[in-house]
PDB file of N, CA and C in Angstrom:
ATOM      1  N   MET A   1     114.328  87.236  87.653  1.00  0.00           N
ATOM      2  CA  MET A   1     114.671  88.332  86.775  1.00  0.00           C
ATOM      3  C   MET A   1     113.974  89.623  87.221  1.00  0.00           C
ATOM      4  N   LEU A   2     112.740  89.489  87.700  1.00  0.00           N
ATOM      5  CA  LEU A   2     112.032  90.677  88.171  1.00  0.00           C
ATOM      6  C   LEU A   2     112.748  91.310  89.356  1.00  0.00           C
ATOM      7  N   PHE A   3     113.225  90.481  90.255  1.00  0.00           N
ATOM      8  CA  PHE A   3     113.915  90.988  91.432  1.00  0.00           C
ATOM      9  C   PHE A   3     115.181  91.751  91.031  1.00  0.00           C
ATOM     10  N   VAL A   4     115.943  91.214  90.093  1.00  0.00           N
ATOM     11  CA  VAL A   4     117.155  91.880  89.615  1.00  0.00           C
ATOM     12  C   VAL A   4     116.779  93.197  88.941  1.00  0.00           C
ATOM     13  N   ARG A   5     115.686  93.197  88.187  1.00  0.00           N
ATOM     14  CA  ARG A   5     115.231  94.419  87.514  1.00  0.00           C
ATOM     15  C   ARG A   5     114.866  95.502  88.530  1.00  0.00           C
ATOM     16  N   ILE A   6     114.205  95.115  89.602  1.00  0.00           N
ATOM     17  CA  ILE A   6     113.831  96.078  90.639  1.00  0.00           C
ATOM     18  C   ILE A   6     115.077  96.656  91.303  1.00  0.00           C
ATOM     19  N   LEU A   7     116.006  95.792  91.675  1.00  0.00           N
ATOM     20  CA  LEU A   7     117.241  96.276  92.303  1.00  0.00           C
ATOM     21  C   LEU A   7     118.033  97.172  91.350  1.00  0.00           C
ATOM     22  N   GLY A   8     118.058  96.780  90.077  1.00  0.00           N
ATOM     23  CA  GLY A   8     118.778  97.577  89.084  1.00  0.00           C
ATOM     24  C   GLY A   8     118.157  98.939  88.856  1.00  0.00           C
ATOM     25  N   SER A   9     116.860  99.060  89.043  1.00  0.00           N
ATOM     26  CA  SER A   9     116.211 100.358  88.844  1.00  0.00           C
ATOM     27  C   SER A   9     116.595 101.359  89.934  1.00  0.00           C
ATOM     28  N   TRP A  10     117.058 100.877  91.060  1.00  0.00           N
ATOM     29  CA  TRP A  10     117.493 101.771  92.135  1.00  0.00           C
ATOM     30  C   TRP A  10     118.863 102.374  91.853  1.00  0.00           C
ATOM     31  N   LEU A  11     119.612 101.741  90.974  1.00  0.00           N
ATOM     32  CA  LEU A  11     120.953 102.215  90.624  1.00  0.00           C
ATOM     33  C   LEU A  11     121.002 102.496  89.123  1.00  0.00           C
ATOM     34  N   PRO A  12     120.646 103.701  88.715  1.00  0.00           N
ATOM     35  CA  PRO A  12     120.554 104.008  87.283  1.00  0.00           C
ATOM     36  C   PRO A  12     121.835 103.780  86.495  1.00  0.00           C
ATOM     37  N   GLU A  13     122.989 103.877  87.137  1.00  0.00           N
ATOM     38  CA  GLU A  13     124.245 103.669  86.402  1.00  0.00           C
ATOM     39  C   GLU A  13     124.392 102.225  85.915  1.00  0.00           C
ATOM     40  N   LEU A  14     123.650 101.286  86.517  1.00  0.00           N
ATOM     41  CA  LEU A  14     123.701  99.889  86.070  1.00  0.00           C
ATOM     42  C   LEU A  14     122.989  99.676  84.735  1.00  0.00           C
ATOM     43  N   GLN A  15     122.137 100.610  84.352  1.00  0.00           N
ATOM     44  CA  GLN A  15     121.359 100.452  83.120  1.00  0.00           C
ATOM     45  C   GLN A  15     122.238 100.417  81.872  1.00  0.00           C
ATOM     46  N   THR A  16     123.468 100.864  81.974  1.00  0.00           N
ATOM     47  CA  THR A  16     124.369 100.858  80.815  1.00  0.00           C
ATOM     48  C   THR A  16     125.003  99.485  80.585  1.00  0.00           C
ATOM     49  N   TYR A  17     124.940  98.609  81.580  1.00  0.00           N
ATOM     50  CA  TYR A  17     125.542  97.283  81.433  1.00  0.00           C
ATOM     51  C   TYR A  17     124.657  96.386  80.578  1.00  0.00           C
ATOM     52  N   ARG A  18     125.301  95.591  79.770  1.00  0.00           N
ATOM     53  CA  ARG A  18     124.591  94.701  78.842  1.00  0.00           C
ATOM     54  C   ARG A  18     123.683  93.717  79.592  1.00  0.00           C
ATOM     55  N   PHE A  19     124.131  93.237  80.741  1.00  0.00           N
ATOM     56  CA  PHE A  19     123.333  92.296  81.516  1.00  0.00           C
ATOM     57  C   PHE A  19     122.011  92.927  81.938  1.00  0.00           C
ATOM     58  N   MET A  20     122.046  94.180  82.400  1.00  0.00           N
ATOM     59  CA  MET A  20     120.818  94.858  82.821  1.00  0.00           C
ATOM     60  C   MET A  20     119.924  95.167  81.624  1.00  0.00           C
ATOM     61  N   GLN A  21     120.507  95.449  80.485  1.00  0.00           N
ATOM     62  CA  GLN A  21     119.706  95.663  79.274  1.00  0.00           C
ATOM     63  C   GLN A  21     118.997  94.378  78.878  1.00  0.00           C
ATOM     64  N   PHE A  22     119.668  93.245  79.041  1.00  0.00           N
ATOM     65  CA  PHE A  22     119.065  91.938  78.775  1.00  0.00           C
ATOM     66  C   PHE A  22     117.887  91.700  79.717  1.00  0.00           C
ATOM     67  N   ILE A  23     118.086  91.961  81.000  1.00  0.00           N
ATOM     68  CA  ILE A  23     117.027  91.786  82.003  1.00  0.00           C
ATOM     69  C   ILE A  23     115.846  92.695  81.674  1.00  0.00           C
ATOM     70  N   ALA A  24     116.122  93.957  81.367  1.00  0.00           N
ATOM     71  CA  ALA A  24     115.051  94.916  81.059  1.00  0.00           C
ATOM     72  C   ALA A  24     114.295  94.500  79.805  1.00  0.00           C
ATOM     73  N   PHE A  25     114.989  93.981  78.809  1.00  0.00           N
ATOM     74  CA  PHE A  25     114.349  93.572  77.558  1.00  0.00           C
ATOM     75  C   PHE A  25     113.283  92.501  77.803  1.00  0.00           C
ATOM     76  N   TYR A  26     113.561  91.590  78.717  1.00  0.00           N
ATOM     77  CA  TYR A  26     112.626  90.489  78.956  1.00  0.00           C
ATOM     78  C   TYR A  26     111.612  90.758  80.074  1.00  0.00           C
ATOM     79  N   THR A  27     111.898  91.672  80.974  1.00  0.00           N
ATOM     80  CA  THR A  27     110.952  91.919  82.062  1.00  0.00           C
ATOM     81  C   THR A  27     110.053  93.128  81.827  1.00  0.00           C
ATOM     82  N   ASP A  28     110.510  94.110  81.073  1.00  0.00           N
ATOM     83  CA  ASP A  28     109.710  95.319  80.872  1.00  0.00           C
ATOM     84  C   ASP A  28     108.369  95.077  80.180  1.00  0.00           C
ATOM     85  N   PRO A  29     108.270  94.202  79.179  1.00  0.00           N
ATOM     86  CA  PRO A  29     106.936  93.976  78.603  1.00  0.00           C
ATOM     87  C   PRO A  29     105.933  93.457  79.634  1.00  0.00           C
ATOM     88  N   TYR A  30     106.370  92.583  80.510  1.00  0.00           N
ATOM     89  CA  TYR A  30     105.495  92.052  81.569  1.00  0.00           C
ATOM     90  C   TYR A  30     105.122  93.156  82.554  1.00  0.00           C
ATOM     91  N   LEU A  31     106.099  93.951  82.975  1.00  0.00           N
ATOM     92  CA  LEU A  31     105.824  95.034  83.911  1.00  0.00           C
ATOM     93  C   LEU A  31     104.985  96.138  83.267  1.00  0.00           C
ATOM     94  N   ASN A  32     105.219  96.412  81.997  1.00  0.00           N
ATOM     95  CA  ASN A  32     104.448  97.450  81.311  1.00  0.00           C
ATOM     96  C   ASN A  32     102.968  97.097  81.237  1.00  0.00           C
ATOM     97  N   PHE A  33     102.657  95.818  81.172  1.00  0.00           N
ATOM     98  CA  PHE A  33     101.254  95.396  81.187  1.00  0.00           C
ATOM     99  C   PHE A  33     100.569  95.901  82.462  1.00  0.00           C
ATOM    100  N   PHE A  34     101.224  95.766  83.594  1.00  0.00           N
ATOM    101  CA  PHE A  34     100.654  96.211  84.865  1.00  0.00           C
ATOM    102  C   PHE A  34     100.726  97.724  85.025  1.00  0.00           C
ATOM    103  N   ARG A  35     101.731  98.343  84.425  1.00  0.00           N
ATOM    104  CA  ARG A  35     101.859  99.804  84.507  1.00  0.00           C
ATOM    105  C   ARG A  35     100.724 100.517  83.781  1.00  0.00           C
ATOM    106  N   ARG A  36     100.084  99.843  82.837  1.00  0.00           N
ATOM    107  CA  ARG A  36      98.927 100.452  82.169  1.00  0.00           C
ATOM    108  C   ARG A  36      97.780 100.648  83.144  1.00  0.00           C
ATOM    109  N   PHE A  37      97.650  99.762  84.128  1.00  0.00           N
ATOM    110  CA  PHE A  37      96.553  99.823  85.098  1.00  0.00           C
ATOM    111  C   PHE A  37      96.956 100.524  86.387  1.00  0.00           C
ATOM    112  N   ILE A  38      98.242 100.436  86.734  1.00  0.00           N
ATOM    113  CA  ILE A  38      98.748 101.033  87.969  1.00  0.00           C
ATOM    114  C   ILE A  38      99.937 101.921  87.601  1.00  0.00           C
ATOM    115  N   PRO A  39      99.674 103.168  87.266  1.00  0.00           N
ATOM    116  CA  PRO A  39     100.804 104.042  86.895  1.00  0.00           C
ATOM    117  C   PRO A  39     101.695 104.326  88.104  1.00  0.00           C
ATOM    118  N   PRO A  40     102.977 104.575  87.873  1.00  0.00           N
ATOM    119  CA  PRO A  40     103.884 104.897  88.979  1.00  0.00           C
ATOM    120  C   PRO A  40     103.415 106.139  89.733  1.00  0.00           C
ATOM    121  N   LEU A  41     103.563 106.107  91.042  1.00  0.00           N
ATOM    122  CA  LEU A  41     103.196 107.231  91.896  1.00  0.00           C
ATOM    123  C   LEU A  41     104.466 107.999  92.239  1.00  0.00           C
ATOM    124  N   GLY A  42     104.882 108.870  91.349  1.00  0.00           N
ATOM    125  CA  GLY A  42     106.149 109.579  91.536  1.00  0.00           C
ATOM    126  C   GLY A  42     107.303 108.602  91.383  1.00  0.00           C
ATOM    127  N   MET A  43     108.082 108.458  92.444  1.00  0.00           N
ATOM    128  CA  MET A  43     109.220 107.535  92.420  1.00  0.00           C
ATOM    129  C   MET A  43     108.820 106.109  92.797  1.00  0.00           C
ATOM    130  N   LEU A  44     107.582 105.925  93.231  1.00  0.00           N
ATOM    131  CA  LEU A  44     107.120 104.622  93.698  1.00  0.00           C
ATOM    132  C   LEU A  44     106.352 103.898  92.593  1.00  0.00           C
ATOM    133  N   ASP A  45     106.868 102.757  92.169  1.00  0.00           N
ATOM    134  CA  ASP A  45     106.231 101.945  91.136  1.00  0.00           C
ATOM    135  C   ASP A  45     105.715 100.662  91.787  1.00  0.00           C
ATOM    136  N   LEU A  46     104.405 100.518  91.851  1.00  0.00           N
ATOM    137  CA  LEU A  46     103.800  99.352  92.494  1.00  0.00           C
ATOM    138  C   LEU A  46     103.590  98.175  91.541  1.00  0.00           C
ATOM    139  N   SER A  47     103.853  98.371  90.260  1.00  0.00           N
ATOM    140  CA  SER A  47     103.612  97.298  89.293  1.00  0.00           C
ATOM    141  C   SER A  47     104.411  96.025  89.580  1.00  0.00           C
ATOM    142  N   PRO A  48     105.658  96.073  90.072  1.00  0.00           N
ATOM    143  CA  PRO A  48     106.360  94.824  90.378  1.00  0.00           C
ATOM    144  C   PRO A  48     105.683  94.008  91.478  1.00  0.00           C
ATOM    145  N   ILE A  49     105.065  94.675  92.447  1.00  0.00           N
ATOM    146  CA  ILE A  49     104.371  93.949  93.511  1.00  0.00           C
ATOM    147  C   ILE A  49     103.203  93.168  92.931  1.00  0.00           C
ATOM    148  N   VAL A  50     102.433  93.827  92.069  1.00  0.00           N
ATOM    149  CA  VAL A  50     101.296  93.168  91.427  1.00  0.00           C
ATOM    150  C   VAL A  50     101.792  92.060  90.501  1.00  0.00           C
ATOM    151  N   ALA A  51     102.904  92.299  89.817  1.00  0.00           N
ATOM    152  CA  ALA A  51     103.465  91.287  88.914  1.00  0.00           C
ATOM    153  C   ALA A  51     103.878  90.038  89.688  1.00  0.00           C
ATOM    154  N   PHE A  52     104.545  90.209  90.835  1.00  0.00           N
ATOM    155  CA  PHE A  52     104.916  89.063  91.673  1.00  0.00           C
ATOM    156  C   PHE A  52     103.672  88.339  92.187  1.00  0.00           C
ATOM    157  N   PHE A  53     102.663  89.086  92.583  1.00  0.00           N
ATOM    158  CA  PHE A  53     101.422  88.500  93.071  1.00  0.00           C
ATOM    159  C   PHE A  53     100.769  87.643  91.984  1.00  0.00           C
ATOM    160  N   CYS A  54     100.703  88.155  90.763  1.00  0.00           N
ATOM    161  CA  CYS A  54     100.108  87.401  89.656  1.00  0.00           C
ATOM    162  C   CYS A  54     100.922  86.157  89.320  1.00  0.00           C
ATOM    163  N   LEU A  55     102.241  86.265  89.371  1.00  0.00           N
ATOM    164  CA  LEU A  55     103.076  85.085  89.131  1.00  0.00           C
ATOM    165  C   LEU A  55     102.817  84.013  90.184  1.00  0.00           C
ATOM    166  N   GLY A  56     102.613  84.429  91.426  1.00  0.00           N
ATOM    167  CA  GLY A  56     102.297  83.477  92.490  1.00  0.00           C
ATOM    168  C   GLY A  56     100.972  82.776  92.254  1.00  0.00           C
ATOM    169  N   ILE A  57      99.972  83.530  91.795  1.00  0.00           N
ATOM    170  CA  ILE A  57      98.667  82.935  91.494  1.00  0.00           C
ATOM    171  C   ILE A  57      98.788  81.938  90.352  1.00  0.00           C
ATOM    172  N   ILE A  58      99.498  82.320  89.303  1.00  0.00           N
ATOM    173  CA  ILE A  58      99.688  81.415  88.158  1.00  0.00           C
ATOM    174  C   ILE A  58     100.431  80.160  88.596  1.00  0.00           C
ATOM    175  N   GLU A  59     101.435  80.317  89.443  1.00  0.00           N
ATOM    176  CA  GLU A  59     102.184  79.164  89.942  1.00  0.00           C
ATOM    177  C   GLU A  59     101.273  78.204  90.710  1.00  0.00           C
ATOM    178  N   ASN A  60     100.424  78.743  91.577  1.00  0.00           N
ATOM    179  CA  ASN A  60      99.513  77.893  92.346  1.00  0.00           C
ATOM    180  C   ASN A  60      98.504  77.187  91.456  1.00  0.00           C
ATOM    181  N   ILE A  61      98.006  77.866  90.451  1.00  0.00           N
ATOM    182  CA  ILE A  61      97.062  77.249  89.515  1.00  0.00           C
ATOM    183  C   ILE A  61      97.738  76.101  88.773  1.00  0.00           C
ATOM    184  N   LEU A  62      98.960  76.342  88.293  1.00  0.00           N
ATOM    185  CA  LEU A  62      99.682  75.287  87.566  1.00  0.00           C
ATOM    186  C   LEU A  62     100.005  74.098  88.458  1.00  0.00           C
ATOM    187  N   LYS A  63     100.389  74.356  89.713  1.00  0.00           N
ATOM    188  CA  LYS A  63     100.664  73.257  90.646  1.00  0.00           C
ATOM    189  C   LYS A  63      99.411  72.434  90.899  1.00  0.00           C
ATOM    190  N   THR A  64      98.280  73.100  91.050  1.00  0.00           N
ATOM    191  CA  THR A  64      97.023  72.404  91.284  1.00  0.00           C
ATOM    192  C   THR A  64      96.636  71.562  90.075  1.00  0.00           C
ATOM    193  N   LEU A  65      96.763  72.145  88.895  1.00  0.00           N
ATOM    194  CA  LEU A  65      96.432  71.399  87.675  1.00  0.00           C
ATOM    195  C   LEU A  65      97.344  70.192  87.502  1.00  0.00           C
ATOM    196  N   LEU A  66      98.617  70.360  87.751  1.00  0.00           N
ATOM    197  CA  LEU A  66      99.549  69.239  87.636  1.00  0.00           C
ATOM    198  C   LEU A  66      99.246  68.161  88.662  1.00  0.00           C
ATOM    199  N   ALA A  67      98.880  68.546  89.866  1.00  0.00           N
ATOM    200  CA  ALA A  67      98.528  67.568  90.892  1.00  0.00           C
ATOM    201  C   ALA A  67      97.270  66.790  90.490  1.00  0.00           C
ATOM    202  N   LEU A  68      96.314  67.471  89.877  1.00  0.00           N
ATOM    203  CA  LEU A  68      95.098  66.801  89.424  1.00  0.00           C
ATOM    204  C   LEU A  68      95.377  65.846  88.260  1.00  0.00           C
ATOM    205  N   ILE A  69      96.248  66.254  87.383  1.00  0.00           N
ATOM    206  CA  ILE A  69      96.570  65.426  86.212  1.00  0.00           C
ATOM    207  C   ILE A  69      97.371  64.199  86.626  1.00  0.00           C
ATOM    208  N   LEU A  70      98.295  64.363  87.550  1.00  0.00           N
ATOM    209  CA  LEU A  70      99.199  63.282  87.910  1.00  0.00           C
ATOM    210  C   LEU A  70      98.604  62.299  88.933  1.00  0.00           C
ATOM    211  N   THR A  71      97.446  62.628  89.489  1.00  0.00           N
ATOM    212  CA  THR A  71      96.841  61.699  90.459  1.00  0.00           C
ATOM    213  C   THR A  71      95.728  60.908  89.836  1.00  0.00           C
TER     214      THR A  71
END
């Protein structure tokens, strides 16, 4: 969903579609959390990069915990 949101932000005319509004409704709260610490630099918004990085860390932690529990 984050990837679709990023691509959709490059094409502002897509924001009127219901599908993109649905995506924005669920991804913007997560991205806004990072935007509080990393404000956009003009047209460049680095918050999605940090958001993907954090999701990767959470994924690795969960995989490790599941591996420990299941062994």
